[in-house]
Amino acid sequence: MLHPDLLEILRCPACAKENKGNLNYFKESWLICEDCGRKYPIVDDIPVMLIDEGNKWIKTAPDALQIPPVLE
């Protein structure tokens, strides 16, 4: 589980400069950007905040995401 203080400061790396880049905490396994829809997996309580990783899941509906995430 991510610490609430960390959730307050994390932003989508692809959106943070132009938009807010706020992230929603989804099922304790994903961070989903409110602006672009990129989805960043959380593996062993560490968010994988790489734009390339977020791009892999951008078209996947939240309910179709793997819980827990499996990195390829």
Protein backbone atom coordinates (compact mmCIF):
# COMPACT_ATOMS: atom_id res chain seq x y z
CA MET A 1 0.00 0.00 0.00
CA LEU A 2 1.27 3.45 -0.90
CA HIS A 3 1.62 6.09 1.76
CA PRO A 4 -1.02 8.84 1.40
CA ASP A 5 1.69 11.55 1.38
CA LEU A 6 3.31 9.91 -1.63
CA LEU A 7 -0.01 9.78 -3.45
CA GLU A 8 -0.42 13.52 -2.93
CA ILE A 9 2.85 14.40 -4.68
CA LEU A 10 3.00 11.81 -7.48
CA ARG A 11 1.95 13.07 -10.92
CA CYS A 12 1.84 11.52 -14.38
CA PRO A 13 5.27 12.18 -15.91
CA ALA A 14 3.70 12.64 -19.35
CA CYS A 15 1.15 15.25 -18.24
CA ALA A 16 2.65 17.08 -15.27
CA LYS A 17 4.13 19.97 -17.30
CA GLU A 18 1.00 20.86 -19.29
CA ASN A 19 -1.86 19.52 -17.14
CA LYS A 20 -2.33 18.59 -13.52
CA GLY A 21 -1.39 14.95 -14.09
CA ASN A 22 -3.36 13.83 -11.03
CA LEU A 23 -3.37 10.10 -10.44
CA ASN A 24 -6.14 7.90 -9.08
CA TYR A 25 -5.16 4.98 -6.87
CA PHE A 26 -6.91 1.92 -8.33
CA LYS A 27 -7.30 -1.31 -6.35
CA GLU A 28 -3.96 -0.76 -4.59
CA SER A 29 -2.25 -1.95 -7.81
CA TRP A 30 -2.39 0.89 -10.34
CA LEU A 31 -2.11 4.66 -10.67
CA ILE A 32 -4.36 6.03 -13.42
CA CYS A 33 -3.85 9.52 -14.85
CA GLU A 34 -7.00 11.65 -14.88
CA ASP A 35 -5.75 13.63 -17.91
CA CYS A 36 -4.35 11.11 -20.40
CA GLY A 37 -5.54 7.73 -19.09
CA ARG A 38 -2.06 6.21 -18.80
CA LYS A 39 -1.94 3.45 -16.22
CA TYR A 40 1.15 2.90 -14.10
CA PRO A 41 1.53 -0.43 -12.29
CA ILE A 42 2.52 -0.69 -8.64
CA VAL A 43 4.89 -3.61 -8.09
CA ASP A 44 5.98 -4.55 -4.56
CA ASP A 45 4.58 -1.22 -3.31
CA ILE A 46 6.73 0.72 -5.81
CA PRO A 47 4.99 2.70 -8.58
CA VAL A 48 6.57 2.13 -11.99
CA MET A 49 6.30 5.72 -13.25
CA LEU A 50 7.89 5.27 -16.68
CA ILE A 51 5.99 6.82 -19.58
CA ASP A 52 6.69 3.76 -21.73
CA GLU A 53 5.13 1.54 -19.06
CA GLY A 54 2.07 3.80 -18.82
CA ASN A 55 1.71 3.70 -22.61
CA LYS A 56 1.39 -0.11 -22.59
CA TRP A 57 -1.89 0.08 -20.67
CA ILE A 58 -3.39 3.33 -21.99
CA LYS A 59 -6.15 1.60 -24.01
CA THR A 60 -6.93 -1.02 -21.34
CA ALA A 61 -10.10 -0.39 -19.38
CA PRO A 62 -9.47 -0.14 -15.62
CA ASP A 63 -11.62 -3.19 -14.90
CA ALA A 64 -9.53 -5.24 -17.37
CA LEU A 65 -6.19 -4.46 -15.68
CA GLN A 66 -4.30 -7.36 -14.14
CA ILE A 67 -4.41 -7.44 -10.35
CA PRO A 68 -1.63 -7.67 -9.28
CA PRO A 69 0.18 -6.18 -12.28
CA VAL A 70 2.48 -8.43 -14.29
CA LEU A 71 5.28 -6.59 -16.07
CA GLU A 72 6.25 -7.87 -19.49
